[in-house]
Amino acid sequence: MDTDIEIDTRGLNCPLPILKAKKALTSMSSGQLLKVRSTDPGSLRDFQAFARQTGNELVEQSTLADEFVHVLRRR
C-alpha cells in the first residue's frame, strides 16, 4: 500500500508512538495516508482506540515478526 508519510517508532513504548502519529497527522491533508512502524505490542490496541477517538480511519494493521504496522487515513 502506498502511503504519503511513514514514521518509525520502533523501540518506543506507549504513549510515544501515538504522540508521534498525532504530530505527523497534523501536518497532513485530509485523505492522506500515514504508516507507523512500531515494536510495542500494545500499539495494536492503542491505535484502534486512537482512531475511534480522533475520527481518523484505521485503514490497516499488520504484524510482521516483532513489528507492528498501522496505516491511518487523515480525516
PDB file of N, CA and C in Angstrom:
ATOM      1  N   MET A   1       0.841  -1.179   0.000  1.00  0.00           N
ATOM      2  CA  MET A   1       0.000   0.000   0.000  1.00  0.00           C
ATOM      3  C   MET A   1       0.889   1.246   0.000  1.00  0.00           C
ATOM      4  N   ASP A   2       0.618   2.151  -0.916  1.00  0.00           N
ATOM      5  CA  ASP A   2       1.365   3.407  -0.966  1.00  0.00           C
ATOM      6  C   ASP A   2       0.841   4.353   0.107  1.00  0.00           C
ATOM      7  N   THR A   3       1.769   4.947   0.849  1.00  0.00           N
ATOM      8  CA  THR A   3       1.390   5.907   1.882  1.00  0.00           C
ATOM      9  C   THR A   3       2.092   7.225   1.604  1.00  0.00           C
ATOM     10  N   ASP A   4       1.561   8.299   2.186  1.00  0.00           N
ATOM     11  CA  ASP A   4       2.129   9.624   1.966  1.00  0.00           C
ATOM     12  C   ASP A   4       3.281   9.918   2.917  1.00  0.00           C
ATOM     13  N   ILE A   5       3.153   9.470   4.144  1.00  0.00           N
ATOM     14  CA  ILE A   5       4.193   9.679   5.163  1.00  0.00           C
ATOM     15  C   ILE A   5       4.369   8.384   5.937  1.00  0.00           C
ATOM     16  N   GLU A   6       5.614   8.090   6.294  1.00  0.00           N
ATOM     17  CA  GLU A   6       5.906   6.920   7.117  1.00  0.00           C
ATOM     18  C   GLU A   6       6.768   7.362   8.290  1.00  0.00           C
ATOM     19  N   ILE A   7       6.397   6.925   9.487  1.00  0.00           N
ATOM     20  CA  ILE A   7       7.217   7.228  10.655  1.00  0.00           C
ATOM     21  C   ILE A   7       7.632   5.930  11.339  1.00  0.00           C
ATOM     22  N   ASP A   8       8.817   5.963  11.905  1.00  0.00           N
ATOM     23  CA  ASP A   8       9.401   4.795  12.561  1.00  0.00           C
ATOM     24  C   ASP A   8       9.399   5.034  14.066  1.00  0.00           C
ATOM     25  N   THR A   9       8.567   4.281  14.781  1.00  0.00           N
ATOM     26  CA  THR A   9       8.528   4.408  16.239  1.00  0.00           C
ATOM     27  C   THR A   9       9.035   3.126  16.901  1.00  0.00           C
ATOM     28  N   ARG A  10       9.774   2.325  16.150  1.00  0.00           N
ATOM     29  CA  ARG A  10      10.307   1.077  16.707  1.00  0.00           C
ATOM     30  C   ARG A  10      11.217   1.394  17.883  1.00  0.00           C
ATOM     31  N   GLY A  11      11.057   0.619  18.946  1.00  0.00           N
ATOM     32  CA  GLY A  11      11.853   0.823  20.156  1.00  0.00           C
ATOM     33  C   GLY A  11      11.204   1.771  21.151  1.00  0.00           C
ATOM     34  N   LEU A  12      10.116   2.430  20.749  1.00  0.00           N
ATOM     35  CA  LEU A  12       9.420   3.352  21.641  1.00  0.00           C
ATOM     36  C   LEU A  12       8.171   2.682  22.210  1.00  0.00           C
ATOM     37  N   ASN A  13       7.878   2.986  23.461  1.00  0.00           N
ATOM     38  CA  ASN A  13       6.700   2.428  24.117  1.00  0.00           C
ATOM     39  C   ASN A  13       5.624   3.486  24.279  1.00  0.00           C
ATOM     40  N   CYS A  14       4.426   3.034  24.565  1.00  0.00           N
ATOM     41  CA  CYS A  14       3.272   3.896  24.767  1.00  0.00           C
ATOM     42  C   CYS A  14       3.615   4.977  25.794  1.00  0.00           C
ATOM     43  N   PRO A  15       3.266   6.198  25.553  1.00  0.00           N
ATOM     44  CA  PRO A  15       2.386   6.729  24.514  1.00  0.00           C
ATOM     45  C   PRO A  15       3.131   7.337  23.316  1.00  0.00           C
ATOM     46  N   LEU A  16       4.439   7.141  23.234  1.00  0.00           N
ATOM     47  CA  LEU A  16       5.223   7.820  22.196  1.00  0.00           C
ATOM     48  C   LEU A  16       4.796   7.509  20.762  1.00  0.00           C
ATOM     49  N   PRO A  17       4.500   6.254  20.389  1.00  0.00           N
ATOM     50  CA  PRO A  17       4.050   6.030  19.008  1.00  0.00           C
ATOM     51  C   PRO A  17       2.784   6.825  18.660  1.00  0.00           C
ATOM     52  N   ILE A  18       1.847   6.906  19.587  1.00  0.00           N
ATOM     53  CA  ILE A  18       0.611   7.668  19.360  1.00  0.00           C
ATOM     54  C   ILE A  18       0.916   9.154  19.254  1.00  0.00           C
ATOM     55  N   LEU A  19       1.765   9.660  20.133  1.00  0.00           N
ATOM     56  CA  LEU A  19       2.094  11.086  20.104  1.00  0.00           C
ATOM     57  C   LEU A  19       2.787  11.471  18.805  1.00  0.00           C
ATOM     58  N   LYS A  20       3.700  10.628  18.328  1.00  0.00           N
ATOM     59  CA  LYS A  20       4.385  10.910  17.070  1.00  0.00           C
ATOM     60  C   LYS A  20       3.417  10.827  15.888  1.00  0.00           C
ATOM     61  N   ALA A  21       2.484   9.890  15.936  1.00  0.00           N
ATOM     62  CA  ALA A  21       1.479   9.784  14.878  1.00  0.00           C
ATOM     63  C   ALA A  21       0.579  11.013  14.883  1.00  0.00           C
ATOM     64  N   LYS A  22       0.168  11.442  16.056  1.00  0.00           N
ATOM     65  CA  LYS A  22      -0.690  12.620  16.171  1.00  0.00           C
ATOM     66  C   LYS A  22      -0.007  13.848  15.583  1.00  0.00           C
ATOM     67  N   LYS A  23       1.271  14.014  15.888  1.00  0.00           N
ATOM     68  CA  LYS A  23       2.038  15.149  15.362  1.00  0.00           C
ATOM     69  C   LYS A  23       2.140  15.072  13.835  1.00  0.00           C
ATOM     70  N   ALA A  24       2.403  13.882  13.309  1.00  0.00           N
ATOM     71  CA  ALA A  24       2.519  13.714  11.857  1.00  0.00           C
ATOM     72  C   ALA A  24       1.188  14.006  11.172  1.00  0.00           C
ATOM     73  N   LEU A  25       0.085  13.553  11.757  1.00  0.00           N
ATOM     74  CA  LEU A  25      -1.232  13.757  11.159  1.00  0.00           C
ATOM     75  C   LEU A  25      -1.600  15.231  11.061  1.00  0.00           C
ATOM     76  N   THR A  26      -1.127  16.038  11.994  1.00  0.00           N
ATOM     77  CA  THR A  26      -1.473  17.472  11.958  1.00  0.00           C
ATOM     78  C   THR A  26      -0.850  18.167  10.755  1.00  0.00           C
ATOM     79  N   SER A  27       0.234  17.629  10.220  1.00  0.00           N
ATOM     80  CA  SER A  27       0.887  18.250   9.064  1.00  0.00           C
ATOM     81  C   SER A  27       0.363  17.702   7.739  1.00  0.00           C
ATOM     82  N   MET A  28      -0.595  16.779   7.793  1.00  0.00           N
ATOM     83  CA  MET A  28      -1.096  16.113   6.596  1.00  0.00           C
ATOM     84  C   MET A  28      -2.436  16.697   6.153  1.00  0.00           C
ATOM     85  N   SER A  29      -2.751  16.499   4.885  1.00  0.00           N
ATOM     86  CA  SER A  29      -4.044  16.920   4.347  1.00  0.00           C
ATOM     87  C   SER A  29      -5.062  15.801   4.515  1.00  0.00           C
ATOM     88  N   SER A  30      -6.320  16.171   4.489  1.00  0.00           N
ATOM     89  CA  SER A  30      -7.399  15.199   4.604  1.00  0.00           C
ATOM     90  C   SER A  30      -7.289  14.150   3.498  1.00  0.00           C
ATOM     91  N   GLY A  31      -7.414  12.872   3.896  1.00  0.00           N
ATOM     92  CA  GLY A  31      -7.362  11.769   2.939  1.00  0.00           C
ATOM     93  C   GLY A  31      -5.984  11.159   2.751  1.00  0.00           C
ATOM     94  N   GLN A  32      -4.937  11.844   3.207  1.00  0.00           N
ATOM     95  CA  GLN A  32      -3.593  11.284   3.070  1.00  0.00           C
ATOM     96  C   GLN A  32      -3.403  10.125   4.041  1.00  0.00           C
ATOM     97  N   LEU A  33      -2.465   9.223   3.694  1.00  0.00           N
ATOM     98  CA  LEU A  33      -2.211   8.026   4.494  1.00  0.00           C
ATOM     99  C   LEU A  33      -0.897   8.137   5.262  1.00  0.00           C
ATOM    100  N   LEU A  34      -0.938   7.724   6.519  1.00  0.00           N
ATOM    101  CA  LEU A  34       0.225   7.691   7.395  1.00  0.00           C
ATOM    102  C   LEU A  34       0.503   6.241   7.778  1.00  0.00           C
ATOM    103  N   LYS A  35       1.748   5.815   7.598  1.00  0.00           N
ATOM    104  CA  LYS A  35       2.163   4.478   8.046  1.00  0.00           C
ATOM    105  C   LYS A  35       3.054   4.639   9.275  1.00  0.00           C
ATOM    106  N   VAL A  36       2.739   3.878  10.314  1.00  0.00           N
ATOM    107  CA  VAL A  36       3.514   3.904  11.558  1.00  0.00           C
ATOM    108  C   VAL A  36       4.059   2.512  11.813  1.00  0.00           C
ATOM    109  N   ARG A  37       5.374   2.405  11.973  1.00  0.00           N
ATOM    110  CA  ARG A  37       6.021   1.138  12.325  1.00  0.00           C
ATOM    111  C   ARG A  37       6.350   1.172  13.811  1.00  0.00           C
ATOM    112  N   SER A  38       6.002   0.097  14.516  1.00  0.00           N
ATOM    113  CA  SER A  38       6.181   0.048  15.960  1.00  0.00           C
ATOM    114  C   SER A  38       6.603  -1.351  16.399  1.00  0.00           C
ATOM    115  N   THR A  39       7.249  -1.413  17.551  1.00  0.00           N
ATOM    116  CA  THR A  39       7.583  -2.708  18.153  1.00  0.00           C
ATOM    117  C   THR A  39       6.823  -2.913  19.466  1.00  0.00           C
ATOM    118  N   ASP A  40       5.987  -1.961  19.831  1.00  0.00           N
ATOM    119  CA  ASP A  40       5.210  -2.036  21.065  1.00  0.00           C
ATOM    120  C   ASP A  40       3.946  -2.874  20.817  1.00  0.00           C
ATOM    121  N   PRO A  41       3.833  -4.070  21.440  1.00  0.00           N
ATOM    122  CA  PRO A  41       2.659  -4.917  21.217  1.00  0.00           C
ATOM    123  C   PRO A  41       1.347  -4.221  21.581  1.00  0.00           C
ATOM    124  N   GLY A  42       1.388  -3.314  22.530  1.00  0.00           N
ATOM    125  CA  GLY A  42       0.193  -2.580  22.932  1.00  0.00           C
ATOM    126  C   GLY A  42      -0.274  -1.585  21.882  1.00  0.00           C
ATOM    127  N   SER A  43       0.567  -1.336  20.887  1.00  0.00           N
ATOM    128  CA  SER A  43       0.203  -0.349  19.868  1.00  0.00           C
ATOM    129  C   SER A  43      -0.987  -0.805  19.031  1.00  0.00           C
ATOM    130  N   LEU A  44      -1.222  -2.116  18.917  1.00  0.00           N
ATOM    131  CA  LEU A  44      -2.384  -2.595  18.167  1.00  0.00           C
ATOM    132  C   LEU A  44      -3.671  -2.040  18.775  1.00  0.00           C
ATOM    133  N   ARG A  45      -3.805  -2.200  20.045  1.00  0.00           N
ATOM    134  CA  ARG A  45      -4.979  -1.713  20.773  1.00  0.00           C
ATOM    135  C   ARG A  45      -4.982  -0.180  20.841  1.00  0.00           C
ATOM    136  N   ASP A  46      -3.800   0.405  21.063  1.00  0.00           N
ATOM    137  CA  ASP A  46      -3.701   1.857  21.194  1.00  0.00           C
ATOM    138  C   ASP A  46      -4.138   2.581  19.923  1.00  0.00           C
ATOM    139  N   PHE A  47      -3.721   2.080  18.754  1.00  0.00           N
ATOM    140  CA  PHE A  47      -4.083   2.749  17.507  1.00  0.00           C
ATOM    141  C   PHE A  47      -5.559   2.553  17.170  1.00  0.00           C
ATOM    142  N   GLN A  48      -6.155   1.450  17.589  1.00  0.00           N
ATOM    143  CA  GLN A  48      -7.593   1.257  17.390  1.00  0.00           C
ATOM    144  C   GLN A  48      -8.366   2.309  18.193  1.00  0.00           C
ATOM    145  N   ALA A  49      -7.973   2.498  19.450  1.00  0.00           N
ATOM    146  CA  ALA A  49      -8.632   3.485  20.307  1.00  0.00           C
ATOM    147  C   ALA A  49      -8.373   4.901  19.795  1.00  0.00           C
ATOM    148  N   PHE A  50      -7.154   5.167  19.362  1.00  0.00           N
ATOM    149  CA  PHE A  50      -6.794   6.492  18.843  1.00  0.00           C
ATOM    150  C   PHE A  50      -7.663   6.849  17.634  1.00  0.00           C
ATOM    151  N   ALA A  51      -7.842   5.903  16.737  1.00  0.00           N
ATOM    152  CA  ALA A  51      -8.660   6.147  15.538  1.00  0.00           C
ATOM    153  C   ALA A  51     -10.107   6.441  15.925  1.00  0.00           C
ATOM    154  N   ARG A  52     -10.655   5.681  16.849  1.00  0.00           N
ATOM    155  CA  ARG A  52     -12.037   5.911  17.297  1.00  0.00           C
ATOM    156  C   ARG A  52     -12.192   7.296  17.925  1.00  0.00           C
ATOM    157  N   GLN A  53     -11.218   7.683  18.736  1.00  0.00           N
ATOM    158  CA  GLN A  53     -11.320   8.947  19.477  1.00  0.00           C
ATOM    159  C   GLN A  53     -11.095  10.164  18.596  1.00  0.00           C
ATOM    160  N   THR A  54     -10.286  10.034  17.548  1.00  0.00           N
ATOM    161  CA  THR A  54      -9.928  11.201  16.744  1.00  0.00           C
ATOM    162  C   THR A  54     -10.699  11.310  15.436  1.00  0.00           C
ATOM    163  N   GLY A  55     -11.357  10.237  15.026  1.00  0.00           N
ATOM    164  CA  GLY A  55     -12.083  10.265  13.764  1.00  0.00           C
ATOM    165  C   GLY A  55     -11.232   9.959  12.548  1.00  0.00           C
ATOM    166  N   ASN A  56      -9.948   9.684  12.758  1.00  0.00           N
ATOM    167  CA  ASN A  56      -9.091   9.239  11.664  1.00  0.00           C
ATOM    168  C   ASN A  56      -9.392   7.764  11.409  1.00  0.00           C
ATOM    169  N   GLU A  57      -9.298   7.349  10.154  1.00  0.00           N
ATOM    170  CA  GLU A  57      -9.631   5.967   9.806  1.00  0.00           C
ATOM    171  C   GLU A  57      -8.415   5.061   9.937  1.00  0.00           C
ATOM    172  N   LEU A  58      -8.565   3.972  10.672  1.00  0.00           N
ATOM    173  CA  LEU A  58      -7.526   2.948  10.749  1.00  0.00           C
ATOM    174  C   LEU A  58      -7.736   2.019   9.559  1.00  0.00           C
ATOM    175  N   VAL A  59      -6.941   2.207   8.525  1.00  0.00           N
ATOM    176  CA  VAL A  59      -7.123   1.509   7.262  1.00  0.00           C
ATOM    177  C   VAL A  59      -6.612   0.076   7.344  1.00  0.00           C
ATOM    178  N   GLU A  60      -5.491  -0.111   8.035  1.00  0.00           N
ATOM    179  CA  GLU A  60      -4.862  -1.435   8.064  1.00  0.00           C
ATOM    180  C   GLU A  60      -3.969  -1.562   9.285  1.00  0.00           C
ATOM    181  N   GLN A  61      -3.918  -2.775   9.833  1.00  0.00           N
ATOM    182  CA  GLN A  61      -2.940  -3.134  10.861  1.00  0.00           C
ATOM    183  C   GLN A  61      -2.386  -4.492  10.480  1.00  0.00           C
ATOM    184  N   SER A  62      -1.079  -4.634  10.631  1.00  0.00           N
ATOM    185  CA  SER A  62      -0.469  -5.925  10.346  1.00  0.00           C
ATOM    186  C   SER A  62       0.688  -6.161  11.301  1.00  0.00           C
ATOM    187  N   THR A  63       1.030  -7.430  11.452  1.00  0.00           N
ATOM    188  CA  THR A  63       2.145  -7.830  12.293  1.00  0.00           C
ATOM    189  C   THR A  63       3.127  -8.607  11.428  1.00  0.00           C
ATOM    190  N   LEU A  64       4.370  -8.154  11.423  1.00  0.00           N
ATOM    191  CA  LEU A  64       5.441  -8.806  10.676  1.00  0.00           C
ATOM    192  C   LEU A  64       6.558  -9.119  11.660  1.00  0.00           C
ATOM    193  N   ALA A  65       6.659 -10.386  12.050  1.00  0.00           N
ATOM    194  CA  ALA A  65       7.633 -10.814  13.072  1.00  0.00           C
ATOM    195  C   ALA A  65       7.364 -10.024  14.358  1.00  0.00           C
ATOM    196  N   ASP A  66       8.320  -9.209  14.800  1.00  0.00           N
ATOM    197  CA  ASP A  66       8.144  -8.440  16.036  1.00  0.00           C
ATOM    198  C   ASP A  66       7.803  -6.976  15.746  1.00  0.00           C
ATOM    199  N   GLU A  67       7.318  -6.702  14.558  1.00  0.00           N
ATOM    200  CA  GLU A  67       6.996  -5.339  14.156  1.00  0.00           C
ATOM    201  C   GLU A  67       5.502  -5.218  13.846  1.00  0.00           C
ATOM    202  N   PHE A  68       4.930  -4.108  14.275  1.00  0.00           N
ATOM    203  CA  PHE A  68       3.516  -3.831  14.063  1.00  0.00           C
ATOM    204  C   PHE A  68       3.402  -2.623  13.150  1.00  0.00           C
ATOM    205  N   VAL A  69       2.575  -2.748  12.110  1.00  0.00           N
ATOM    206  CA  VAL A  69       2.418  -1.678  11.139  1.00  0.00           C
ATOM    207  C   VAL A  69       0.966  -1.204  11.169  1.00  0.00           C
ATOM    208  N   HIS A  70       0.809   0.118  11.274  1.00  0.00           N
ATOM    209  CA  HIS A  70      -0.508   0.741  11.350  1.00  0.00           C
ATOM    210  C   HIS A  70      -0.606   1.753  10.216  1.00  0.00           C
ATOM    211  N   VAL A  71      -1.719   1.747   9.495  1.00  0.00           N
ATOM    212  CA  VAL A  71      -1.938   2.732   8.433  1.00  0.00           C
ATOM    213  C   VAL A  71      -3.213   3.501   8.776  1.00  0.00           C
ATOM    214  N   LEU A  72      -3.055   4.815   8.863  1.00  0.00           N
ATOM    215  CA  LEU A  72      -4.177   5.697   9.199  1.00  0.00           C
ATOM    216  C   LEU A  72      -4.452   6.648   8.039  1.00  0.00           C
ATOM    217  N   ARG A  73      -5.738   6.929   7.800  1.00  0.00           N
ATOM    218  CA  ARG A  73      -6.132   7.929   6.813  1.00  0.00           C
ATOM    219  C   ARG A  73      -6.559   9.181   7.572  1.00  0.00           C
ATOM    220  N   ARG A  74      -5.937  10.304   7.223  1.00  0.00           N
ATOM    221  CA  ARG A  74      -6.250  11.580   7.893  1.00  0.00           C
ATOM    222  C   ARG A  74      -7.685  11.974   7.606  1.00  0.00           C
ATOM    223  N   ARG A  75      -8.416  12.347   8.636  1.00  0.00           N
ATOM    224  CA  ARG A  75      -9.821  12.744   8.466  1.00  0.00           C
ATOM    225  C   ARG A  75      -9.940  14.072   7.768  1.00  0.00           C
TER     226      ARG A  75
END
